[in-house]
Amino acid sequence: MHQAAEAFLNEVWTSIQEIYKKENQRINEIKDWSVLQAGVKDYLRVAWRKGKLNWANGKIHVDVHEPFSWSDDSYKYDAGSYMEELTEEMLMQEFFPALCDRMEALFHSTDYASHFFNYRLELVFEFEWKQSVQCHSRHFINERKRESLKKALDQFIETKIKAELPVRPKERDDFFFARCLVNPDLMEQKQEIIEPLIQRLSEKLRSNKERSDSWTYHSALALKGWANERFLVKFFDRTGHYGLDWVLKPEQERQEPKTEELDFFLYVALAIGNKEPDTRKKYLDLAVQLGSKRAADYVKRGSGRFDSEYKSSLIQASANDVLQAIDIRIVSEEEAAYGEAVEFINGLLREGFPKGYKLKLKSSEKNYLPVKKLAKSGLHQFFANASRYPALYPKIADYAELAMEEFAWYGDVEPSEKSVMPGTYAVLALGLSSSDYFPLFRRYMKLVDTEHQSAQDDFAIAFVEAHGVTVENIPVLVSLVLGSSDSAKPLKNITIDRTELVDALIGELATMEDYQRETVIYRLFGGNKKLVQAVKKESSPIKEKLAELLALVE
């Protein structure tokens, strides 16, 4: 080996060993390993980054995990004057093969902790010359480790996923299980194999909201990882801000996608669509560029499961279940038009159309409900418009019953504090309009996700402005404040200043848990201290009634 190539190799190898020694100590301290984690290190990049004035005055960069394109947290080392003697021939015929031999031997050795290396390792070598960059890579696989992981995965599926409740995987396994599912070294990448396993674990975790959300996040992230890192890179180049956009490679540089791979990519697009509709649309558009007729049909017409078109002299409507979108154009602003539109949507929901859809509305009427936190979306506008016609209330109530679903969200806004549960606008419109729908209002408030939705915090204000505070609606008012989020503030301009109102409130609180009573008192009176002040301030007989109320929460 040429002396310069050998000097460069020794410098690089010393740097790698120095880094790995520290990493090994850290990995040795980890105690709680997942059974689905073969090891940690699966990537190593060695790069020479040229100097600004003289390319030979640069630095050696070592990355022990795959870096983001916009970040630079490499280990950096100086090199000697031998750099100026290096040639491309030396690097490719002497340095890189020797580095590969050393890394392969180390990868299969027992020099480090058993979990130090994963079963697969990618070695990348980059070298910046004055006007060009060399980039080469090699992959090493430890078949013994891979087979061991495959057996662990098969056993995990049988004993933790397929097994009946109460058996569940440990939470730390979710991340690794999701990634095993989309690893072609371990699993066949087919919807009929992967989807049942994802759904099985989703069902087992349904009773635990936080764990269920965590699994949904991990599985979606793994599917996106497969799409971005294993599929799209074969046919597209990354572009745009942070490389989030894709441009089709020249025809001579890309291969034709395999049918089974393209089918799985379409499955990925649909699977993550509930949480990331924009990503779903992007993936479908990319599949169209790859010649997928099915993707084009999805974008244009949906899955074909639903009657997606409706036209009359009053409205024009269309629906796409894949994009989870409904378009409605009101041709004639009248009761019958909204009646047809509501019935169109109800028919879709009865057939299983996604409840978390978004609605694009074309209407000359722009009405909204009197609640500050509600987004002024097409969905909101549609139900505010429709609720102007009392004869439509039964149809709107049918819609609400069909649409309401715990832990689900409309797609009318980006995920935010304005996100609301399906059925929200219809329920609120009915509850503010007629006492006939107070029971529906109360059912909604019991179902709403108080940890992840806050728009309902202002429902009580709108309710009191519409109906006042009476003995008959105290139960509804209590349900409204109990369904508020933890960040809800005390209500203003709501006074309970008659004995019959306090009696009704006492009757509601009598059977509640202490924390529920505290919530009601806080929202209606500002808390126990404020209620104590009210007792001191008021005169008989309201004074005694408030004292009786106070006794329930002290």
Protein backbone atom coordinates (compact mmCIF):
# COMPACT_ATOMS: atom_id res chain seq x y z
CA MET A 1 0.00 0.00 0.00
CA HIS A 2 1.27 3.47 -0.83
CA GLN A 3 2.61 5.30 2.21
CA ALA A 4 0.08 8.16 1.90
CA ALA A 5 -2.88 5.76 1.63
CA GLU A 6 -1.59 3.80 4.64
CA ALA A 7 -1.17 7.00 6.69
CA PHE A 8 -4.71 8.07 5.81
CA LEU A 9 -6.05 4.63 6.72
CA ASN A 10 -4.27 4.59 10.08
CA GLU A 11 -5.53 8.11 10.89
CA VAL A 12 -9.10 7.12 10.04
CA TRP A 13 -8.91 3.82 11.90
CA THR A 14 -7.54 5.45 15.04
CA SER A 15 -10.44 7.93 14.93
CA ILE A 16 -13.03 5.17 14.49
CA GLN A 17 -11.63 3.14 17.40
CA GLU A 18 -11.59 6.23 19.62
CA ILE A 19 -15.25 6.96 18.85
CA TYR A 20 -16.34 3.33 19.15
CA LYS A 21 -14.66 2.98 22.55
CA LYS A 22 -16.82 5.81 23.92
CA GLU A 23 -19.93 4.50 22.19
CA ASN A 24 -19.34 1.00 23.53
CA GLN A 25 -19.19 2.30 27.10
CA ARG A 26 -22.49 4.10 26.59
CA ILE A 27 -24.17 1.08 25.01
CA ASN A 28 -22.91 -1.19 27.78
CA GLU A 29 -24.83 0.92 30.29
CA ILE A 30 -28.16 0.26 28.57
CA LYS A 31 -30.06 -2.41 30.52
CA ASP A 32 -33.59 -2.46 29.14
CA TRP A 33 -33.19 -3.92 25.62
CA SER A 34 -36.08 -4.83 23.38
CA VAL A 35 -36.16 -8.44 22.22
CA LEU A 36 -36.48 -7.00 18.70
CA GLN A 37 -33.29 -4.95 18.88
CA ALA A 38 -30.33 -6.84 17.39
CA GLY A 39 -27.97 -3.95 17.98
CA VAL A 40 -27.39 -0.20 17.71
CA LYS A 41 -24.75 0.65 15.13
CA ASP A 42 -25.80 0.14 11.53
CA TYR A 43 -24.07 3.05 9.77
CA LEU A 44 -20.59 4.53 9.49
CA ARG A 45 -19.49 7.33 7.19
CA VAL A 46 -15.90 8.39 6.68
CA ALA A 47 -15.48 11.58 4.67
CA TRP A 48 -12.78 14.01 3.68
CA ARG A 49 -14.14 17.58 3.54
CA LYS A 50 -11.83 19.88 1.62
CA GLY A 51 -10.52 23.14 3.02
CA LYS A 52 -11.92 26.48 1.90
CA LEU A 53 -8.64 27.77 0.43
CA ASN A 54 -6.75 24.56 -0.16
CA TRP A 55 -8.57 21.25 -0.51
CA ALA A 56 -5.74 19.41 1.28
CA ASN A 57 -6.21 21.57 4.41
CA GLY A 58 -9.59 20.08 5.23
CA LYS A 59 -10.65 17.62 7.90
CA ILE A 60 -11.59 13.98 8.31
CA HIS A 61 -15.29 13.68 9.21
CA VAL A 62 -16.66 10.54 10.89
CA ASP A 63 -20.38 9.91 11.40
CA VAL A 64 -21.53 6.91 13.41
CA HIS A 65 -25.21 7.43 12.55
CA GLU A 66 -26.77 8.57 9.30
CA PRO A 67 -26.91 12.37 9.43
CA PHE A 68 -29.64 14.63 8.16
CA SER A 69 -28.68 16.48 5.01
CA TRP A 70 -28.98 19.85 6.77
CA SER A 71 -27.07 18.96 9.94
CA ASP A 72 -23.40 18.53 10.79
CA ASP A 73 -22.56 16.78 14.03
CA SER A 74 -19.64 14.74 12.65
CA TYR A 75 -16.54 13.92 14.65
CA LYS A 76 -13.78 15.98 13.01
CA TYR A 77 -10.05 15.22 12.87
CA ASP A 78 -7.01 16.83 11.33
CA ALA A 79 -4.86 14.98 8.80
CA GLY A 80 -1.22 15.21 7.82
CA SER A 81 0.55 16.54 4.75
CA TYR A 82 0.20 13.10 3.16
CA MET A 83 -3.23 14.20 1.90
CA GLU A 84 -1.63 16.03 -1.03
CA GLU A 85 -0.06 12.78 -2.21
CA LEU A 86 -3.33 10.84 -2.43
CA THR A 87 -4.82 9.97 -5.80
CA GLU A 88 -8.18 8.51 -6.78
CA GLU A 89 -6.43 5.29 -7.72
CA MET A 90 -4.87 4.99 -4.25
CA LEU A 91 -8.18 5.66 -2.54
CA MET A 92 -10.21 3.16 -4.58
CA GLN A 93 -7.68 0.39 -5.06
CA GLU A 94 -5.88 0.55 -1.72
CA PHE A 95 -7.50 2.70 0.97
CA PHE A 96 -11.20 1.81 0.61
CA PRO A 97 -10.73 -1.97 0.18
CA ALA A 98 -8.46 -2.02 3.23
CA LEU A 99 -10.98 0.01 5.25
CA CYS A 100 -13.74 -2.39 4.19
CA ASP A 101 -11.67 -5.41 5.26
CA ARG A 102 -11.00 -3.91 8.69
CA MET A 103 -14.62 -2.90 9.21
CA GLU A 104 -15.97 -6.26 8.11
CA ALA A 105 -13.63 -8.08 10.47
CA LEU A 106 -14.56 -5.75 13.33
CA PHE A 107 -18.28 -6.07 12.50
CA HIS A 108 -18.13 -9.87 12.84
CA SER A 109 -15.81 -9.84 15.86
CA THR A 110 -16.66 -9.92 19.55
CA ASP A 111 -14.57 -6.87 20.37
CA TYR A 112 -17.60 -4.86 21.46
CA ALA A 113 -20.82 -5.50 23.39
CA SER A 114 -23.23 -7.96 21.77
CA HIS A 115 -25.70 -5.14 21.07
CA PHE A 116 -23.07 -2.76 19.69
CA PHE A 117 -23.61 -3.65 16.01
CA ASN A 118 -26.94 -4.28 14.37
CA TYR A 119 -27.16 -7.27 12.01
CA ARG A 120 -26.53 -4.92 9.06
CA LEU A 121 -23.88 -2.21 8.68
CA GLU A 122 -23.50 0.34 5.89
CA LEU A 123 -20.03 1.79 5.36
CA VAL A 124 -19.92 5.01 3.33
CA PHE A 125 -16.77 6.71 2.07
CA GLU A 126 -16.80 10.22 0.60
CA PHE A 127 -13.82 12.24 -0.62
CA GLU A 128 -13.97 15.84 -1.81
CA TRP A 129 -11.49 16.79 -4.48
CA LYS A 130 -11.05 20.28 -5.88
CA GLN A 131 -13.89 19.99 -8.37
CA SER A 132 -15.53 16.63 -7.64
CA VAL A 133 -16.71 14.25 -4.94
CA GLN A 134 -16.20 10.50 -4.75
CA CYS A 135 -18.86 8.51 -2.92
CA HIS A 136 -18.77 4.75 -2.39
CA SER A 137 -20.49 2.37 -0.01
CA ARG A 138 -20.48 -1.24 1.12
CA HIS A 139 -23.02 -3.23 3.11
CA PHE A 140 -22.14 -6.01 5.56
CA ILE A 141 -24.65 -8.47 6.96
CA ASN A 142 -24.22 -10.73 9.97
CA GLU A 143 -26.44 -13.63 8.88
CA ARG A 144 -26.32 -15.24 12.29
CA LYS A 145 -27.68 -12.09 13.90
CA ARG A 146 -30.26 -11.62 11.16
CA GLU A 147 -31.60 -15.16 11.58
CA SER A 148 -31.67 -14.71 15.34
CA LEU A 149 -33.68 -11.49 14.96
CA LYS A 150 -36.02 -13.15 12.46
CA LYS A 151 -36.76 -15.95 14.94
CA ALA A 152 -37.29 -13.43 17.73
CA LEU A 153 -39.73 -11.52 15.52
CA ASP A 154 -41.68 -14.65 14.59
CA GLN A 155 -41.94 -15.63 18.26
CA PHE A 156 -42.91 -12.07 19.22
CA ILE A 157 -45.76 -12.09 16.69
CA GLU A 158 -47.10 -15.41 17.96
CA THR A 159 -46.75 -14.75 21.70
CA LYS A 160 -47.33 -10.98 21.96
CA ILE A 161 -49.37 -9.88 18.95
CA LYS A 162 -51.60 -12.81 18.04
CA ALA A 163 -52.05 -13.96 21.65
CA GLU A 164 -55.35 -12.97 23.28
CA LEU A 165 -55.66 -10.18 25.83
CA PRO A 166 -54.51 -9.39 28.46
CA VAL A 167 -51.18 -10.27 26.78
CA ARG A 168 -49.61 -7.16 25.23
CA PRO A 169 -46.10 -6.27 24.10
CA LYS A 170 -43.97 -4.02 26.28
CA GLU A 171 -44.13 -0.39 25.26
CA ARG A 172 -40.42 -0.26 24.42
CA ASP A 173 -41.03 -2.96 21.78
CA ASP A 174 -43.47 -0.83 19.72
CA PHE A 175 -40.77 1.20 18.01
CA PHE A 176 -38.73 -1.85 16.99
CA PHE A 177 -41.75 -3.94 15.99
CA ALA A 178 -42.92 -1.21 13.62
CA ARG A 179 -39.50 -1.10 11.95
CA CYS A 180 -39.26 -4.88 11.72
CA LEU A 181 -42.57 -4.93 9.85
CA VAL A 182 -41.20 -2.74 7.04
CA ASN A 183 -37.81 -4.43 6.86
CA PRO A 184 -37.62 -6.66 3.76
CA ASP A 185 -34.78 -8.62 5.39
CA LEU A 186 -37.30 -9.81 7.99
CA MET A 187 -40.81 -9.57 6.52
CA GLU A 188 -42.37 -9.87 3.08
CA GLN A 189 -43.59 -6.38 2.16
CA LYS A 190 -47.20 -7.10 1.32
CA GLN A 191 -50.33 -5.43 2.64
CA GLU A 192 -52.05 -8.74 3.39
CA ILE A 193 -49.14 -9.65 5.69
CA ILE A 194 -48.32 -6.32 7.34
CA GLU A 195 -51.75 -4.68 7.73
CA PRO A 196 -53.33 -7.44 9.91
CA LEU A 197 -50.42 -7.23 12.35
CA ILE A 198 -50.63 -3.44 12.62
CA GLN A 199 -54.38 -3.61 13.15
CA ARG A 200 -54.10 -6.46 15.65
CA LEU A 201 -51.81 -4.46 17.91
CA SER A 202 -53.98 -1.36 17.42
CA GLU A 203 -57.00 -3.31 18.67
CA LYS A 204 -55.11 -4.65 21.68
CA LEU A 205 -54.02 -1.13 22.68
CA ARG A 206 -57.36 0.60 22.01
CA SER A 207 -58.28 0.84 25.69
CA ASN A 208 -55.09 2.81 26.47
CA LYS A 209 -55.30 6.15 24.62
CA GLU A 210 -51.69 7.23 25.12
CA ARG A 211 -50.26 3.85 24.23
CA SER A 212 -52.59 3.58 21.22
CA ASP A 213 -51.52 7.01 19.97
CA SER A 214 -47.88 6.08 20.47
CA TRP A 215 -48.28 2.89 18.43
CA THR A 216 -50.10 4.78 15.67
CA TYR A 217 -47.22 7.26 15.58
CA HIS A 218 -44.52 4.56 15.46
CA SER A 219 -46.27 2.48 12.79
CA ALA A 220 -46.95 5.52 10.58
CA LEU A 221 -43.36 6.72 10.96
CA ALA A 222 -42.05 3.28 10.01
CA LEU A 223 -44.28 3.13 6.93
CA LYS A 224 -43.11 6.60 5.87
CA GLY A 225 -39.54 5.52 6.45
CA TRP A 226 -40.02 2.58 4.09
CA ALA A 227 -41.60 4.84 1.48
CA ASN A 228 -38.93 7.54 1.66
CA GLU A 229 -35.80 5.48 2.25
CA ARG A 230 -36.46 2.21 0.45
CA PHE A 231 -38.95 2.96 -2.34
CA LEU A 232 -38.98 6.57 -3.53
CA VAL A 233 -35.20 6.97 -3.63
CA LYS A 234 -35.09 4.39 -6.44
CA PHE A 235 -37.14 6.58 -8.75
CA PHE A 236 -36.93 10.17 -7.48
CA ASP A 237 -34.32 12.66 -6.33
CA ARG A 238 -34.90 14.68 -3.20
CA THR A 239 -35.31 18.41 -3.68
CA GLY A 240 -36.84 21.47 -2.07
CA HIS A 241 -36.56 22.70 1.49
CA TYR A 242 -35.00 19.99 3.71
CA GLY A 243 -35.34 17.56 0.79
CA LEU A 244 -39.05 17.08 1.39
CA ASP A 245 -40.00 17.21 -2.30
CA TRP A 246 -39.33 14.63 -4.98
CA VAL A 247 -38.38 14.99 -8.65
CA LEU A 248 -38.55 12.05 -11.04
CA LYS A 249 -35.13 10.80 -12.08
CA PRO A 250 -34.24 10.79 -15.79
CA GLU A 251 -35.60 7.68 -17.49
CA GLN A 252 -32.15 6.24 -18.10
CA GLU A 253 -31.30 6.49 -14.37
CA ARG A 254 -34.35 4.75 -12.95
CA GLN A 255 -35.75 1.27 -13.17
CA GLU A 256 -39.37 0.28 -13.61
CA PRO A 257 -41.10 -0.22 -10.23
CA LYS A 258 -42.02 -3.80 -9.41
CA THR A 259 -45.77 -4.36 -9.18
CA GLU A 260 -45.63 -5.71 -5.62
CA GLU A 261 -43.49 -2.76 -4.46
CA LEU A 262 -45.83 -0.22 -6.04
CA ASP A 263 -48.83 -1.97 -4.49
CA PHE A 264 -47.23 -1.76 -1.05
CA PHE A 265 -46.40 1.91 -1.62
CA LEU A 266 -50.09 2.60 -2.36
CA TYR A 267 -51.01 0.75 0.83
CA VAL A 268 -48.56 2.95 2.77
CA ALA A 269 -50.11 6.07 1.26
CA LEU A 270 -53.61 5.03 2.36
CA ALA A 271 -52.51 3.71 5.76
CA ILE A 272 -50.96 6.99 6.88
CA GLY A 273 -53.64 9.13 5.25
CA ASN A 274 -55.89 9.38 8.30
CA LYS A 275 -53.17 11.18 10.23
CA GLU A 276 -51.32 12.83 7.35
CA PRO A 277 -53.68 13.56 4.46
CA ASP A 278 -51.15 15.82 2.73
CA THR A 279 -48.55 13.04 2.70
CA ARG A 280 -51.14 10.62 1.34
CA LYS A 281 -51.95 12.98 -1.53
CA LYS A 282 -48.24 13.53 -2.23
CA TYR A 283 -47.55 9.78 -2.35
CA LEU A 284 -50.51 9.13 -4.64
CA ASP A 285 -49.35 11.86 -7.01
CA LEU A 286 -45.86 10.32 -7.06
CA ALA A 287 -47.36 6.91 -7.80
CA VAL A 288 -49.24 8.46 -10.73
CA GLN A 289 -45.89 9.70 -12.08
CA LEU A 290 -44.68 6.10 -11.90
CA GLY A 291 -47.58 5.05 -14.10
CA SER A 292 -49.98 3.67 -11.50
CA LYS A 293 -53.51 3.66 -12.91
CA ARG A 294 -54.89 2.65 -9.51
CA ALA A 295 -53.31 5.71 -7.89
CA ALA A 296 -54.83 7.92 -10.62
CA ASP A 297 -58.25 6.37 -9.93
CA TYR A 298 -57.81 6.96 -6.19
CA VAL A 299 -57.05 10.64 -6.76
CA LYS A 300 -59.89 11.14 -9.21
CA ARG A 301 -62.69 8.92 -7.89
CA GLY A 302 -61.65 7.30 -4.63
CA SER A 303 -61.74 3.58 -3.98
CA GLY A 304 -64.97 2.98 -5.92
CA ARG A 305 -66.79 1.68 -2.83
CA PHE A 306 -69.14 4.67 -2.67
CA ASP A 307 -71.55 6.48 -4.97
CA SER A 308 -69.29 9.49 -5.22
CA GLU A 309 -71.37 11.82 -7.41
CA TYR A 310 -74.72 13.54 -6.82
CA LYS A 311 -76.29 16.25 -8.95
CA SER A 312 -79.66 17.96 -8.90
CA SER A 313 -81.06 21.37 -9.69
CA LEU A 314 -80.25 22.37 -6.09
CA ILE A 315 -76.76 20.98 -5.37
CA GLN A 316 -73.72 19.36 -6.92
CA ALA A 317 -71.77 16.98 -4.66
CA SER A 318 -68.86 14.58 -4.91
CA ALA A 319 -66.91 12.47 -2.44
CA ASN A 320 -63.53 10.75 -2.40
CA ASP A 321 -63.02 8.26 0.43
CA VAL A 322 -59.31 7.80 -0.30
CA LEU A 323 -58.61 11.52 0.05
CA GLN A 324 -61.31 11.71 2.76
CA ALA A 325 -62.84 14.72 1.08
CA ILE A 326 -66.36 15.87 0.19
CA ASP A 327 -67.14 18.74 -2.18
CA ILE A 328 -70.56 20.40 -2.10
CA ARG A 329 -71.78 23.27 -4.22
CA ILE A 330 -75.08 24.84 -3.18
CA VAL A 331 -76.74 25.93 -6.43
CA SER A 332 -79.87 27.31 -4.76
CA GLU A 333 -79.74 28.65 -1.20
CA GLU A 334 -82.86 27.01 0.25
CA GLU A 335 -83.95 24.39 2.74
CA ALA A 336 -84.33 21.59 0.20
CA ALA A 337 -80.75 22.08 -1.04
CA TYR A 338 -79.27 21.63 2.41
CA GLY A 339 -81.62 18.73 3.01
CA GLU A 340 -80.24 16.95 -0.04
CA ALA A 341 -76.66 17.76 0.96
CA VAL A 342 -77.05 16.45 4.52
CA GLU A 343 -78.73 13.29 3.22
CA PHE A 344 -75.87 12.78 0.73
CA ILE A 345 -73.33 12.92 3.55
CA ASN A 346 -75.46 10.72 5.82
CA GLY A 347 -75.69 8.10 3.11
CA LEU A 348 -71.90 8.06 2.78
CA LEU A 349 -71.40 7.67 6.53
CA ARG A 350 -73.92 4.82 6.70
CA GLU A 351 -71.81 3.00 4.11
CA GLY A 352 -68.61 3.51 6.12
CA PHE A 353 -67.18 6.70 4.60
CA PRO A 354 -64.34 8.09 6.79
CA LYS A 355 -65.81 10.29 9.55
CA GLY A 356 -62.74 12.50 9.72
CA TYR A 357 -63.29 13.94 6.25
CA LYS A 358 -62.78 17.53 5.15
CA LEU A 359 -65.50 19.42 3.27
CA LYS A 360 -65.05 22.00 0.53
CA LEU A 361 -68.17 24.16 0.34
CA LYS A 362 -69.24 26.57 -2.36
CA SER A 363 -72.07 28.68 -1.00
CA SER A 364 -73.05 32.33 -1.14
CA GLU A 365 -74.12 32.17 2.54
CA LYS A 366 -71.38 32.43 5.13
CA ASN A 367 -72.83 31.72 8.56
CA TYR A 368 -70.85 30.55 11.59
CA LEU A 369 -71.74 29.46 15.12
CA PRO A 370 -71.07 31.89 18.01
CA VAL A 371 -68.04 30.09 19.48
CA LYS A 372 -64.68 31.85 19.29
CA LYS A 373 -62.38 28.82 19.13
CA LEU A 374 -64.13 27.12 16.22
CA ALA A 375 -62.31 27.17 12.89
CA LYS A 376 -64.17 29.00 10.12
CA SER A 377 -63.96 26.00 7.82
CA GLY A 378 -66.25 24.71 5.09
CA LEU A 379 -67.65 22.11 7.49
CA HIS A 380 -68.43 24.74 10.10
CA GLN A 381 -70.04 27.00 7.52
CA PHE A 382 -72.11 24.14 6.07
CA PHE A 383 -73.75 23.12 9.34
CA ALA A 384 -74.25 26.72 10.45
CA ASN A 385 -76.02 27.33 7.14
CA ALA A 386 -78.11 24.14 7.36
CA SER A 387 -79.18 24.82 10.95
CA ARG A 388 -81.08 27.91 9.78
CA TYR A 389 -83.88 25.51 8.76
CA PRO A 390 -85.65 23.86 11.75
CA ALA A 391 -87.24 21.27 9.48
CA LEU A 392 -83.76 19.87 8.85
CA TYR A 393 -82.95 19.32 12.53
CA PRO A 394 -83.86 15.60 12.47
CA LYS A 395 -81.54 14.99 9.50
CA ILE A 396 -78.75 16.97 11.15
CA ALA A 397 -79.28 14.96 14.35
CA ASP A 398 -79.02 11.73 12.33
CA TYR A 399 -75.77 13.04 10.92
CA ALA A 400 -74.41 13.81 14.39
CA GLU A 401 -75.20 10.29 15.62
CA LEU A 402 -73.47 8.81 12.57
CA ALA A 403 -70.43 11.07 12.79
CA MET A 404 -69.55 11.21 16.50
CA GLU A 405 -66.52 9.07 17.34
CA GLU A 406 -64.21 9.29 20.32
CA PHE A 407 -60.53 10.03 19.58
CA ALA A 408 -61.31 11.00 15.97
CA TRP A 409 -60.88 14.37 14.27
CA TYR A 410 -62.30 16.20 11.32
CA GLY A 411 -59.81 16.93 8.55
CA ASP A 412 -61.05 20.49 8.04
CA VAL A 413 -57.99 22.09 9.69
CA GLU A 414 -54.35 21.22 10.29
CA PRO A 415 -53.94 19.38 13.63
CA SER A 416 -54.16 22.16 16.22
CA GLU A 417 -56.25 23.55 19.04
CA LYS A 418 -59.01 24.07 16.47
CA SER A 419 -59.24 20.35 15.69
CA VAL A 420 -62.62 18.93 16.71
CA MET A 421 -64.35 15.57 16.91
CA PRO A 422 -66.61 14.55 13.99
CA GLY A 423 -70.15 15.75 14.59
CA THR A 424 -69.08 18.84 16.55
CA TYR A 425 -70.60 21.50 14.31
CA ALA A 426 -73.89 19.65 13.93
CA VAL A 427 -74.24 18.96 17.67
CA LEU A 428 -73.43 22.53 18.59
CA ALA A 429 -75.81 23.97 16.02
CA LEU A 430 -78.66 21.79 17.33
CA GLY A 431 -77.84 22.32 21.00
CA LEU A 432 -77.85 26.10 20.59
CA SER A 433 -81.08 26.03 18.59
CA SER A 434 -83.47 23.70 20.43
CA SER A 435 -83.87 22.10 23.85
CA ASP A 436 -85.02 18.95 22.02
CA TYR A 437 -81.36 18.20 21.38
CA PHE A 438 -80.00 18.74 24.88
CA PRO A 439 -79.62 14.93 25.36
CA LEU A 440 -77.52 14.80 22.19
CA PHE A 441 -75.44 17.71 23.48
CA ARG A 442 -74.79 15.84 26.74
CA ARG A 443 -73.80 12.62 24.94
CA TYR A 444 -71.33 14.58 22.85
CA MET A 445 -69.74 16.14 25.95
CA LYS A 446 -69.27 12.70 27.55
CA LEU A 447 -67.60 11.43 24.40
CA VAL A 448 -65.31 14.37 23.59
CA ASP A 449 -61.58 13.93 24.20
CA THR A 450 -60.90 16.50 26.91
CA GLU A 451 -57.13 15.89 26.81
CA HIS A 452 -56.71 16.68 23.11
CA GLN A 453 -59.57 19.03 22.24
CA SER A 454 -60.24 22.45 23.75
CA ALA A 455 -62.73 24.12 21.40
CA GLN A 456 -65.56 22.90 23.66
CA ASP A 457 -64.32 25.15 26.50
CA ASP A 458 -66.42 28.00 25.12
CA PHE A 459 -69.56 25.96 24.38
CA ALA A 460 -71.01 26.83 27.79
CA ILE A 461 -70.77 30.56 27.09
CA ALA A 462 -72.63 30.19 23.78
CA PHE A 463 -75.16 27.89 25.44
CA VAL A 464 -76.01 30.35 28.21
CA GLU A 465 -76.26 33.21 25.71
CA ALA A 466 -78.72 31.12 23.69
CA HIS A 467 -80.80 29.59 26.53
CA GLY A 468 -79.95 31.40 29.76
CA VAL A 469 -79.50 29.60 33.08
CA THR A 470 -82.62 27.72 34.15
CA VAL A 471 -83.40 24.77 36.39
CA GLU A 472 -84.18 22.70 33.31
CA ASN A 473 -80.84 23.29 31.61
CA ILE A 474 -78.56 23.06 34.66
CA PRO A 475 -77.79 19.39 33.79
CA VAL A 476 -76.67 20.48 30.31
CA LEU A 477 -74.57 23.32 31.70
CA VAL A 478 -72.86 20.93 34.11
CA SER A 479 -72.09 18.48 31.30
CA LEU A 480 -70.62 21.33 29.26
CA VAL A 481 -68.21 22.38 31.99
CA LEU A 482 -67.29 18.77 32.83
CA GLY A 483 -66.39 18.20 29.19
CA SER A 484 -63.98 21.11 29.14
CA SER A 485 -60.21 20.72 28.84
CA ASP A 486 -57.75 21.16 31.71
CA SER A 487 -56.82 24.60 30.35
CA ALA A 488 -60.39 25.93 30.52
CA LYS A 489 -60.84 29.15 32.50
CA PRO A 490 -63.76 30.12 34.79
CA LEU A 491 -66.83 31.24 32.87
CA LYS A 492 -67.70 34.93 32.89
CA ASN A 493 -71.15 36.51 32.96
CA ILE A 494 -72.82 33.34 34.23
CA THR A 495 -74.65 33.88 37.51
CA ILE A 496 -76.36 31.30 39.68
CA ASP A 497 -78.24 33.60 42.00
CA ARG A 498 -81.55 31.87 42.73
CA THR A 499 -82.17 29.16 45.29
CA GLU A 500 -83.85 26.86 42.77
CA LEU A 501 -80.75 27.07 40.55
CA VAL A 502 -78.44 26.18 43.44
CA ASP A 503 -80.75 23.29 44.38
CA ALA A 504 -80.55 21.97 40.84
CA LEU A 505 -76.77 22.30 40.90
CA ILE A 506 -76.54 20.51 44.25
CA GLY A 507 -78.66 17.71 42.81
CA GLU A 508 -76.26 17.30 39.91
CA LEU A 509 -73.13 17.37 42.09
CA ALA A 510 -74.46 15.05 44.78
CA THR A 511 -73.59 11.84 42.90
CA MET A 512 -70.31 13.01 41.37
CA GLU A 513 -66.70 12.27 42.22
CA ASP A 514 -64.77 14.95 44.13
CA TYR A 515 -62.64 15.93 41.12
CA GLN A 516 -65.78 16.46 39.03
CA ARG A 517 -67.31 18.69 41.70
CA GLU A 518 -64.13 20.74 41.86
CA THR A 519 -64.20 21.21 38.08
CA VAL A 520 -67.80 22.42 38.12
CA ILE A 521 -67.20 24.83 41.01
CA TYR A 522 -64.06 26.18 39.36
CA ARG A 523 -65.73 26.80 36.00
CA LEU A 524 -68.96 28.28 37.42
CA PHE A 525 -67.65 30.16 40.48
CA GLY A 526 -63.90 30.49 40.01
CA GLY A 527 -63.03 27.88 42.64
CA ASN A 528 -63.70 27.14 46.31
CA LYS A 529 -62.23 30.42 47.58
CA LYS A 530 -64.48 32.45 45.32
CA LEU A 531 -67.47 30.40 46.46
CA VAL A 532 -66.54 31.08 50.11
CA GLN A 533 -66.52 34.79 49.31
CA ALA A 534 -69.91 34.47 47.65
CA VAL A 535 -71.33 32.77 50.77
CA LYS A 536 -70.08 35.65 52.92
CA LYS A 537 -71.36 38.26 50.52
CA GLU A 538 -74.86 36.94 49.82
CA SER A 539 -77.89 37.24 52.08
CA SER A 540 -80.53 34.66 52.95
CA PRO A 541 -81.90 32.43 51.55
CA ILE A 542 -79.30 32.15 48.73
CA LYS A 543 -76.53 32.37 51.35
CA GLU A 544 -77.59 29.09 52.99
CA LYS A 545 -77.95 27.33 49.65
CA LEU A 546 -74.47 28.37 48.54
CA ALA A 547 -73.10 27.18 51.89
CA GLU A 548 -74.76 23.82 51.27
CA LEU A 549 -73.12 23.71 47.85
CA LEU A 550 -69.77 24.62 49.39
CA ALA A 551 -70.07 21.75 51.85
CA LEU A 552 -70.07 19.30 48.96
CA VAL A 553 -66.59 20.34 47.85
CA GLU A 554 -64.81 21.05 51.14
